Amino acid sequence: MPFLDLADARLYYTVDGPQDAPPLVLSNSLGTHSGMWAFQVAALAQDYRIIRYDTRGHGLSSAAPGEYSFALLAGDVAALLAHLGVRRASFCGISMGGMTGLQLALSRPGLVDRLVLCNTAARIGSAESWSTRIDAVRAGTLAAMSADLVSRWLSDPFRAAEPGLVQVLCDMLARTPDEGYIANCAALRDGDLRARLGEIAQPTLIISGSEDQAATTAQAREMAQAMPEARHVDLPTSHISNWEQPALFTETLRGFLAP
């Protein structure tokens, strides 16, 4: 398995598609891992070099001790691209992964060609809500909370129609280390990039879900208005749009990335 050893963590990654194709990084949401992009890989790897990784504290990546920040998470992506010899890539992140993309575009703008922000915001939730989440995981376990948390990610019709896929997400969440999850919650607790959105000059696609309560359509619209080269598309989904509408999501993404 491919791993990148950083100073304080081990990062799992995988690469699909032609070596000489334009690189595209896919970044997972809180409590999932790189496997959440399974619906998109086959189609995208025809034309792109798909670089997926497990955010530190998730999947096969290690959970380094201490609290994380989006500066740290964006630095992980920069280190991975350097390891792979990639000087510039497009970036697509969902939820927490979207905030990582925002930070990467701000701190290392030369690395980011096009930016896709899915079901995310420049400020997700409140410091109080993330502190409450951290306390809840410490008091119980993430495995015990997984079914309830996943129910907030997906619409009722999807959960009724696709119980197997719901279970896959529950399993991803349940197998995420509690300390890794908590460390990433700290990044979300402290992360607020609203004041810097106007600095992001890369062409940007913002995808929201009309039923998403975690990162709302209104927040997506506000981001698009604040970013000089952004456009906004609203899909009929809840929070994990690439699972609820995989074909529509992939088509929307491909349409934006096409030269």
C-alpha atoms as a PDB file:
ATOM      1  CA  MET A   1       0.000   0.000   0.000  1.00  0.00           C
ATOM      2  CA  PRO A   2       1.305   3.514  -0.768  1.00  0.00           C
ATOM      3  CA  PHE A   3       2.044   5.685   2.253  1.00  0.00           C
ATOM      4  CA  LEU A   4       3.725   9.044   2.707  1.00  0.00           C
ATOM      5  CA  ASP A   5       5.636   9.377   5.967  1.00  0.00           C
ATOM      6  CA  LEU A   6       5.393  12.929   7.279  1.00  0.00           C
ATOM      7  CA  ALA A   7       7.204  14.321  10.289  1.00  0.00           C
ATOM      8  CA  ASP A   8       4.319  13.492  12.630  1.00  0.00           C
ATOM      9  CA  ALA A   9       1.952  11.263  10.676  1.00  0.00           C
ATOM     10  CA  ARG A  10       1.621   8.586   8.019  1.00  0.00           C
ATOM     11  CA  LEU A  11      -0.663   9.421   5.104  1.00  0.00           C
ATOM     12  CA  TYR A  12      -2.312   6.735   2.992  1.00  0.00           C
ATOM     13  CA  TYR A  13      -2.971   7.607  -0.635  1.00  0.00           C
ATOM     14  CA  THR A  14      -3.869   5.985  -3.932  1.00  0.00           C
ATOM     15  CA  VAL A  15      -3.497   7.105  -7.540  1.00  0.00           C
ATOM     16  CA  ASP A  16      -5.712   6.078 -10.480  1.00  0.00           C
ATOM     17  CA  GLY A  17      -5.713   7.073 -14.146  1.00  0.00           C
ATOM     18  CA  PRO A  18      -3.027   7.880 -16.702  1.00  0.00           C
ATOM     19  CA  GLN A  19       0.305   9.126 -15.372  1.00  0.00           C
ATOM     20  CA  ASP A  20       0.346  12.018 -17.846  1.00  0.00           C
ATOM     21  CA  ALA A  21      -3.286  13.099 -17.340  1.00  0.00           C
ATOM     22  CA  PRO A  22      -4.173  16.329 -15.491  1.00  0.00           C
ATOM     23  CA  PRO A  23      -4.004  15.627 -11.732  1.00  0.00           C
ATOM     24  CA  LEU A  24      -7.129  15.883  -9.592  1.00  0.00           C
ATOM     25  CA  VAL A  25      -7.042  15.551  -5.799  1.00  0.00           C
ATOM     26  CA  LEU A  26     -10.140  14.220  -4.026  1.00  0.00           C
ATOM     27  CA  SER A  27     -10.461  14.983  -0.290  1.00  0.00           C
ATOM     28  CA  ASN A  28     -12.843  13.144   2.046  1.00  0.00           C
ATOM     29  CA  SER A  29     -15.375  14.420   4.553  1.00  0.00           C
ATOM     30  CA  LEU A  30     -15.162  14.133   8.333  1.00  0.00           C
ATOM     31  CA  GLY A  31     -15.528  10.522   9.484  1.00  0.00           C
ATOM     32  CA  THR A  32     -15.060   8.888   6.066  1.00  0.00           C
ATOM     33  CA  HIS A  33     -12.003   8.064   3.967  1.00  0.00           C
ATOM     34  CA  SER A  34     -10.822   7.991   0.361  1.00  0.00           C
ATOM     35  CA  GLY A  35     -13.263   5.186  -0.437  1.00  0.00           C
ATOM     36  CA  MET A  36     -16.107   7.692  -0.355  1.00  0.00           C
ATOM     37  CA  TRP A  37     -15.139   8.656  -3.922  1.00  0.00           C
ATOM     38  CA  ALA A  38     -15.716   5.148  -5.312  1.00  0.00           C
ATOM     39  CA  PHE A  39     -18.680   6.285  -7.432  1.00  0.00           C
ATOM     40  CA  GLN A  40     -16.542   8.882  -9.201  1.00  0.00           C
ATOM     41  CA  VAL A  41     -13.195   7.157  -9.766  1.00  0.00           C
ATOM     42  CA  ALA A  42     -13.989   4.970 -12.779  1.00  0.00           C
ATOM     43  CA  ALA A  43     -15.425   7.850 -14.799  1.00  0.00           C
ATOM     44  CA  LEU A  44     -12.892  10.480 -13.770  1.00  0.00           C
ATOM     45  CA  ALA A  45      -9.839   8.241 -14.170  1.00  0.00           C
ATOM     46  CA  GLN A  46     -10.465   8.054 -17.911  1.00  0.00           C
ATOM     47  CA  ASP A  47      -9.259  11.642 -18.282  1.00  0.00           C
ATOM     48  CA  TYR A  48      -7.565  12.574 -15.004  1.00  0.00           C
ATOM     49  CA  ARG A  49      -4.842  11.337 -12.705  1.00  0.00           C
ATOM     50  CA  ILE A  50      -6.954  10.832  -9.598  1.00  0.00           C
ATOM     51  CA  ILE A  51      -5.101  11.329  -6.319  1.00  0.00           C
ATOM     52  CA  ARG A  52      -7.082  10.227  -3.284  1.00  0.00           C
ATOM     53  CA  TYR A  53      -5.872  10.182   0.301  1.00  0.00           C
ATOM     54  CA  ASP A  54      -7.193   9.493   3.771  1.00  0.00           C
ATOM     55  CA  THR A  55      -7.133  12.712   5.776  1.00  0.00           C
ATOM     56  CA  ARG A  56      -4.909  12.240   8.820  1.00  0.00           C
ATOM     57  CA  GLY A  57      -6.892  10.592  11.616  1.00  0.00           C
ATOM     58  CA  HIS A  58      -9.062   8.724   9.081  1.00  0.00           C
ATOM     59  CA  GLY A  59      -8.949   5.412   7.245  1.00  0.00           C
ATOM     60  CA  LEU A  60      -5.444   4.001   6.906  1.00  0.00           C
ATOM     61  CA  SER A  61      -3.716   7.292   7.713  1.00  0.00           C
ATOM     62  CA  SER A  62      -2.370   7.625  11.233  1.00  0.00           C
ATOM     63  CA  ALA A  63      -3.992   9.729  13.940  1.00  0.00           C
ATOM     64  CA  ALA A  64      -1.182  11.946  15.192  1.00  0.00           C
ATOM     65  CA  PRO A  65      -1.771  13.214  18.745  1.00  0.00           C
ATOM     66  CA  GLY A  66      -3.009  16.725  19.408  1.00  0.00           C
ATOM     67  CA  GLU A  67      -5.537  18.978  17.744  1.00  0.00           C
ATOM     68  CA  TYR A  68      -5.415  19.651  14.005  1.00  0.00           C
ATOM     69  CA  SER A  69      -5.903  22.820  11.975  1.00  0.00           C
ATOM     70  CA  PHE A  70      -6.734  23.435   8.338  1.00  0.00           C
ATOM     71  CA  ALA A  71      -3.243  24.850   7.874  1.00  0.00           C
ATOM     72  CA  LEU A  72      -1.933  21.430   8.936  1.00  0.00           C
ATOM     73  CA  LEU A  73      -4.393  19.520   6.735  1.00  0.00           C
ATOM     74  CA  ALA A  74      -3.612  21.685   3.707  1.00  0.00           C
ATOM     75  CA  GLY A  75       0.081  21.171   4.400  1.00  0.00           C
ATOM     76  CA  ASP A  76      -0.472  17.418   4.198  1.00  0.00           C
ATOM     77  CA  VAL A  77      -1.890  17.827   0.686  1.00  0.00           C
ATOM     78  CA  ALA A  78       1.013  20.033  -0.370  1.00  0.00           C
ATOM     79  CA  ALA A  79       3.465  17.425   0.940  1.00  0.00           C
ATOM     80  CA  LEU A  80       1.642  14.641  -0.905  1.00  0.00           C
ATOM     81  CA  LEU A  81       1.734  16.541  -4.195  1.00  0.00           C
ATOM     82  CA  ALA A  82       5.446  17.223  -3.746  1.00  0.00           C
ATOM     83  CA  HIS A  83       6.004  13.527  -3.022  1.00  0.00           C
ATOM     84  CA  LEU A  84       4.223  12.642  -6.266  1.00  0.00           C
ATOM     85  CA  GLY A  85       6.072  15.277  -8.275  1.00  0.00           C
ATOM     86  CA  VAL A  86       2.878  17.227  -8.982  1.00  0.00           C
ATOM     87  CA  ARG A  87       3.427  20.969  -9.318  1.00  0.00           C
ATOM     88  CA  ARG A  88      -0.197  21.960  -9.912  1.00  0.00           C
ATOM     89  CA  ALA A  89      -3.487  20.075  -9.537  1.00  0.00           C
ATOM     90  CA  SER A  90      -7.203  20.639  -9.408  1.00  0.00           C
ATOM     91  CA  PHE A  91      -8.744  19.935  -6.023  1.00  0.00           C
ATOM     92  CA  CYS A  92     -12.191  18.627  -5.092  1.00  0.00           C
ATOM     93  CA  GLY A  93     -13.162  18.340  -1.448  1.00  0.00           C
ATOM     94  CA  ILE A  94     -16.433  17.560   0.263  1.00  0.00           C
ATOM     95  CA  SER A  95     -17.504  19.025   3.616  1.00  0.00           C
ATOM     96  CA  MET A  96     -14.313  19.100   5.747  1.00  0.00           C
ATOM     97  CA  GLY A  97     -12.324  18.342   2.584  1.00  0.00           C
ATOM     98  CA  GLY A  98     -13.754  21.489   1.024  1.00  0.00           C
ATOM     99  CA  MET A  99     -12.359  23.617   3.834  1.00  0.00           C
ATOM    100  CA  THR A 100      -8.992  21.920   3.331  1.00  0.00           C
ATOM    101  CA  GLY A 101      -9.209  22.982  -0.321  1.00  0.00           C
ATOM    102  CA  LEU A 102     -10.029  26.559   0.635  1.00  0.00           C
ATOM    103  CA  GLN A 103      -7.024  26.694   2.931  1.00  0.00           C
ATOM    104  CA  LEU A 104      -4.762  25.129   0.299  1.00  0.00           C
ATOM    105  CA  ALA A 105      -5.863  27.700  -2.287  1.00  0.00           C
ATOM    106  CA  LEU A 106      -5.075  30.471   0.202  1.00  0.00           C
ATOM    107  CA  SER A 107      -1.774  29.196   1.549  1.00  0.00           C
ATOM    108  CA  ARG A 108      -0.397  27.593  -1.620  1.00  0.00           C
ATOM    109  CA  PRO A 109      -2.274  29.218  -4.512  1.00  0.00           C
ATOM    110  CA  GLY A 110       0.283  28.100  -7.081  1.00  0.00           C
ATOM    111  CA  LEU A 111      -0.572  24.462  -6.369  1.00  0.00           C
ATOM    112  CA  VAL A 112      -4.281  24.779  -7.171  1.00  0.00           C
ATOM    113  CA  ASP A 113      -5.516  24.926 -10.759  1.00  0.00           C
ATOM    114  CA  ARG A 114      -9.265  24.591 -10.332  1.00  0.00           C
ATOM    115  CA  LEU A 115     -11.145  24.276  -7.056  1.00  0.00           C
ATOM    116  CA  VAL A 116     -14.343  22.327  -6.389  1.00  0.00           C
ATOM    117  CA  LEU A 117     -16.053  22.845  -3.031  1.00  0.00           C
ATOM    118  CA  CYS A 118     -18.824  20.361  -2.268  1.00  0.00           C
ATOM    119  CA  ASN A 119     -21.346  20.552   0.572  1.00  0.00           C
ATOM    120  CA  THR A 120     -19.092  22.835   2.528  1.00  0.00           C
ATOM    121  CA  ALA A 121     -18.748  26.389   3.778  1.00  0.00           C
ATOM    122  CA  ALA A 122     -16.035  28.782   4.854  1.00  0.00           C
ATOM    123  CA  ARG A 123     -17.414  28.294   8.359  1.00  0.00           C
ATOM    124  CA  ILE A 124     -19.215  25.009   9.094  1.00  0.00           C
ATOM    125  CA  GLY A 125     -21.255  25.007  12.280  1.00  0.00           C
ATOM    126  CA  SER A 126     -20.143  26.954  15.338  1.00  0.00           C
ATOM    127  CA  ALA A 127     -17.329  26.617  17.839  1.00  0.00           C
ATOM    128  CA  GLU A 128     -19.917  25.597  20.422  1.00  0.00           C
ATOM    129  CA  SER A 129     -21.417  22.856  18.239  1.00  0.00           C
ATOM    130  CA  TRP A 130     -18.001  21.318  17.549  1.00  0.00           C
ATOM    131  CA  SER A 131     -17.026  21.492  21.207  1.00  0.00           C
ATOM    132  CA  THR A 132     -20.265  19.688  22.017  1.00  0.00           C
ATOM    133  CA  ARG A 133     -19.473  17.042  19.400  1.00  0.00           C
ATOM    134  CA  ILE A 134     -15.986  16.550  20.831  1.00  0.00           C
ATOM    135  CA  ASP A 135     -17.396  16.123  24.328  1.00  0.00           C
ATOM    136  CA  ALA A 136     -20.001  13.638  23.072  1.00  0.00           C
ATOM    137  CA  VAL A 137     -17.380  11.444  21.386  1.00  0.00           C
ATOM    138  CA  ARG A 138     -15.204  11.528  24.488  1.00  0.00           C
ATOM    139  CA  ALA A 139     -18.166  10.605  26.692  1.00  0.00           C
ATOM    140  CA  GLY A 140     -19.265   7.757  24.433  1.00  0.00           C
ATOM    141  CA  THR A 141     -17.660   6.442  21.278  1.00  0.00           C
ATOM    142  CA  LEU A 142     -17.847   7.346  17.631  1.00  0.00           C
ATOM    143  CA  ALA A 143     -18.971   3.803  16.827  1.00  0.00           C
ATOM    144  CA  ALA A 144     -21.979   4.221  19.119  1.00  0.00           C
ATOM    145  CA  MET A 145     -22.854   7.537  17.454  1.00  0.00           C
ATOM    146  CA  SER A 146     -22.295   6.461  13.843  1.00  0.00           C
ATOM    147  CA  ALA A 147     -25.878   5.624  12.851  1.00  0.00           C
ATOM    148  CA  ASP A 148     -27.222   8.910  14.204  1.00  0.00           C
ATOM    149  CA  LEU A 149     -24.490  10.979  12.560  1.00  0.00           C
ATOM    150  CA  VAL A 150     -24.914   9.291   9.171  1.00  0.00           C
ATOM    151  CA  SER A 151     -28.682   9.880   9.329  1.00  0.00           C
ATOM    152  CA  ARG A 152     -27.880  13.610   9.224  1.00  0.00           C
ATOM    153  CA  TRP A 153     -25.757  13.211   6.090  1.00  0.00           C
ATOM    154  CA  LEU A 154     -28.386  11.607   3.855  1.00  0.00           C
ATOM    155  CA  SER A 155     -31.966  12.325   2.864  1.00  0.00           C
ATOM    156  CA  ASP A 156     -34.775  10.096   4.109  1.00  0.00           C
ATOM    157  CA  PRO A 157     -35.635   8.761   0.617  1.00  0.00           C
ATOM    158  CA  PHE A 158     -32.020   7.772  -0.032  1.00  0.00           C
ATOM    159  CA  ARG A 159     -31.671   6.027   3.320  1.00  0.00           C
ATOM    160  CA  ALA A 160     -34.875   4.087   2.655  1.00  0.00           C
ATOM    161  CA  ALA A 161     -33.844   3.114  -0.873  1.00  0.00           C
ATOM    162  CA  GLU A 162     -30.158   2.319  -0.237  1.00  0.00           C
ATOM    163  CA  PRO A 163     -29.721   0.741   3.218  1.00  0.00           C
ATOM    164  CA  GLY A 164     -26.571  -1.060   2.084  1.00  0.00           C
ATOM    165  CA  LEU A 165     -24.827   2.160   1.094  1.00  0.00           C
ATOM    166  CA  VAL A 166     -25.959   3.769   4.335  1.00  0.00           C
ATOM    167  CA  GLN A 167     -24.307   0.902   6.190  1.00  0.00           C
ATOM    168  CA  VAL A 168     -21.057   1.427   4.272  1.00  0.00           C
ATOM    169  CA  LEU A 169     -20.934   5.024   5.514  1.00  0.00           C
ATOM    170  CA  CYS A 170     -21.810   3.909   9.055  1.00  0.00           C
ATOM    171  CA  ASP A 171     -18.934   1.431   8.933  1.00  0.00           C
ATOM    172  CA  MET A 172     -16.507   4.108   7.695  1.00  0.00           C
ATOM    173  CA  LEU A 173     -17.501   6.349  10.562  1.00  0.00           C
ATOM    174  CA  ALA A 174     -17.466   3.600  13.200  1.00  0.00           C
ATOM    175  CA  ARG A 175     -13.945   2.574  12.192  1.00  0.00           C
ATOM    176  CA  THR A 176     -12.563   6.110  12.359  1.00  0.00           C
ATOM    177  CA  PRO A 177     -10.389   6.426  15.489  1.00  0.00           C
ATOM    178  CA  ASP A 178     -12.084   8.548  18.152  1.00  0.00           C
ATOM    179  CA  GLU A 179      -8.959  10.642  18.706  1.00  0.00           C
ATOM    180  CA  GLY A 180      -8.468  11.211  14.985  1.00  0.00           C
ATOM    181  CA  TYR A 181     -12.087  12.325  14.640  1.00  0.00           C
ATOM    182  CA  ILE A 182     -11.787  14.636  17.646  1.00  0.00           C
ATOM    183  CA  ALA A 183      -8.567  16.160  16.323  1.00  0.00           C
ATOM    184  CA  ASN A 184     -10.296  17.006  13.024  1.00  0.00           C
ATOM    185  CA  CYS A 185     -13.337  18.364  14.866  1.00  0.00           C
ATOM    186  CA  ALA A 186     -10.927  20.830  16.469  1.00  0.00           C
ATOM    187  CA  ALA A 187      -9.950  22.078  13.010  1.00  0.00           C
ATOM    188  CA  LEU A 188     -13.637  22.600  12.207  1.00  0.00           C
ATOM    189  CA  ARG A 189     -14.219  24.247  15.586  1.00  0.00           C
ATOM    190  CA  ASP A 190     -11.476  26.789  14.931  1.00  0.00           C
ATOM    191  CA  GLY A 191     -11.743  27.110  11.151  1.00  0.00           C
ATOM    192  CA  ASP A 192     -13.294  30.279   9.752  1.00  0.00           C
ATOM    193  CA  LEU A 193     -12.179  31.441   6.295  1.00  0.00           C
ATOM    194  CA  ARG A 194     -15.086  33.754   5.487  1.00  0.00           C
ATOM    195  CA  ALA A 195     -13.015  36.914   5.615  1.00  0.00           C
ATOM    196  CA  ARG A 196     -10.512  35.582   3.077  1.00  0.00           C
ATOM    197  CA  LEU A 197     -12.787  34.237   0.346  1.00  0.00           C
ATOM    198  CA  GLY A 198     -12.164  37.251  -1.880  1.00  0.00           C
ATOM    199  CA  GLU A 199      -8.481  36.287  -2.078  1.00  0.00           C
ATOM    200  CA  ILE A 200      -9.200  33.029  -3.927  1.00  0.00           C
ATOM    201  CA  ALA A 201      -8.706  33.703  -7.623  1.00  0.00           C
ATOM    202  CA  GLN A 202      -8.819  30.167  -8.998  1.00  0.00           C
ATOM    203  CA  PRO A 203     -11.835  29.113 -11.091  1.00  0.00           C
ATOM    204  CA  THR A 204     -14.120  27.549  -8.500  1.00  0.00           C
ATOM    205  CA  LEU A 205     -17.230  25.386  -8.600  1.00  0.00           C
ATOM    206  CA  ILE A 206     -19.355  25.297  -5.466  1.00  0.00           C
ATOM    207  CA  ILE A 207     -21.745  22.342  -5.239  1.00  0.00           C
ATOM    208  CA  SER A 208     -24.464  22.408  -2.593  1.00  0.00           C
ATOM    209  CA  GLY A 209     -27.345  20.123  -1.722  1.00  0.00           C
ATOM    210  CA  SER A 210     -30.859  21.522  -1.554  1.00  0.00           C
ATOM    211  CA  GLU A 211     -31.600  19.366   1.519  1.00  0.00           C
ATOM    212  CA  ASP A 212     -28.238  19.816   3.216  1.00  0.00           C
ATOM    213  CA  GLN A 213     -28.602  21.179   6.737  1.00  0.00           C
ATOM    214  CA  ALA A 214     -24.896  20.990   7.636  1.00  0.00           C
ATOM    215  CA  ALA A 215     -23.634  23.230   4.827  1.00  0.00           C
ATOM    216  CA  THR A 216     -26.618  24.988   3.348  1.00  0.00           C
ATOM    217  CA  THR A 217     -27.434  26.265  -0.110  1.00  0.00           C
ATOM    218  CA  ALA A 218     -27.503  29.784   1.318  1.00  0.00           C
ATOM    219  CA  GLN A 219     -23.942  29.391   2.593  1.00  0.00           C
ATOM    220  CA  ALA A 220     -22.823  28.094  -0.800  1.00  0.00           C
ATOM    221  CA  ARG A 221     -24.439  31.038  -2.524  1.00  0.00           C
ATOM    222  CA  GLU A 222     -22.718  33.461  -0.148  1.00  0.00           C
ATOM    223  CA  MET A 223     -19.353  31.858  -0.881  1.00  0.00           C
ATOM    224  CA  ALA A 224     -19.900  32.128  -4.613  1.00  0.00           C
ATOM    225  CA  GLN A 225     -20.763  35.797  -4.285  1.00  0.00           C
ATOM    226  CA  ALA A 226     -17.604  36.461  -2.257  1.00  0.00           C
ATOM    227  CA  MET A 227     -15.204  34.653  -4.619  1.00  0.00           C
ATOM    228  CA  PRO A 228     -14.312  36.439  -7.871  1.00  0.00           C
ATOM    229  CA  GLU A 229     -14.157  33.344 -10.105  1.00  0.00           C
ATOM    230  CA  ALA A 230     -16.783  31.093  -8.497  1.00  0.00           C
ATOM    231  CA  ARG A 231     -20.042  29.658  -9.719  1.00  0.00           C
ATOM    232  CA  HIS A 232     -22.637  27.729  -7.765  1.00  0.00           C
ATOM    233  CA  VAL A 233     -24.680  24.621  -8.611  1.00  0.00           C
ATOM    234  CA  ASP A 234     -27.386  23.274  -6.284  1.00  0.00           C
ATOM    235  CA  LEU A 235     -28.149  19.535  -6.523  1.00  0.00           C
ATOM    236  CA  PRO A 236     -31.234  17.722  -5.163  1.00  0.00           C
ATOM    237  CA  THR A 237     -29.335  15.995  -2.359  1.00  0.00           C
ATOM    238  CA  SER A 238     -28.464  16.179   1.292  1.00  0.00           C
ATOM    239  CA  HIS A 239     -24.905  16.412   2.696  1.00  0.00           C
ATOM    240  CA  ILE A 240     -23.104  13.590   0.838  1.00  0.00           C
ATOM    241  CA  SER A 241     -24.066  14.675  -2.665  1.00  0.00           C
ATOM    242  CA  ASN A 242     -21.623  12.417  -4.499  1.00  0.00           C
ATOM    243  CA  TRP A 243     -23.409   9.365  -3.015  1.00  0.00           C
ATOM    244  CA  GLU A 244     -27.013  10.520  -3.326  1.00  0.00           C
ATOM    245  CA  GLN A 245     -26.679  11.653  -6.942  1.00  0.00           C
ATOM    246  CA  PRO A 246     -23.430  10.047  -8.164  1.00  0.00           C
ATOM    247  CA  ALA A 247     -24.078  10.343 -11.901  1.00  0.00           C
ATOM    248  CA  LEU A 248     -25.303  13.946 -11.705  1.00  0.00           C
ATOM    249  CA  PHE A 249     -22.455  14.877  -9.361  1.00  0.00           C
ATOM    250  CA  THR A 250     -19.828  13.336 -11.645  1.00  0.00           C
ATOM    251  CA  GLU A 251     -21.324  14.955 -14.746  1.00  0.00           C
ATOM    252  CA  THR A 252     -21.331  18.344 -13.001  1.00  0.00           C
ATOM    253  CA  LEU A 253     -17.738  17.914 -11.907  1.00  0.00           C
ATOM    254  CA  ARG A 254     -16.531  16.784 -15.321  1.00  0.00           C
ATOM    255  CA  GLY A 255     -18.304  19.677 -17.007  1.00  0.00           C
ATOM    256  CA  PHE A 256     -16.481  22.156 -14.826  1.00  0.00           C
ATOM    257  CA  LEU A 257     -13.044  20.541 -15.134  1.00  0.00           C
ATOM    258  CA  ALA A 258     -13.160  20.092 -18.901  1.00  0.00           C
ATOM    259  CA  PRO A 259     -10.778  22.432 -20.778  1.00  0.00           C
END
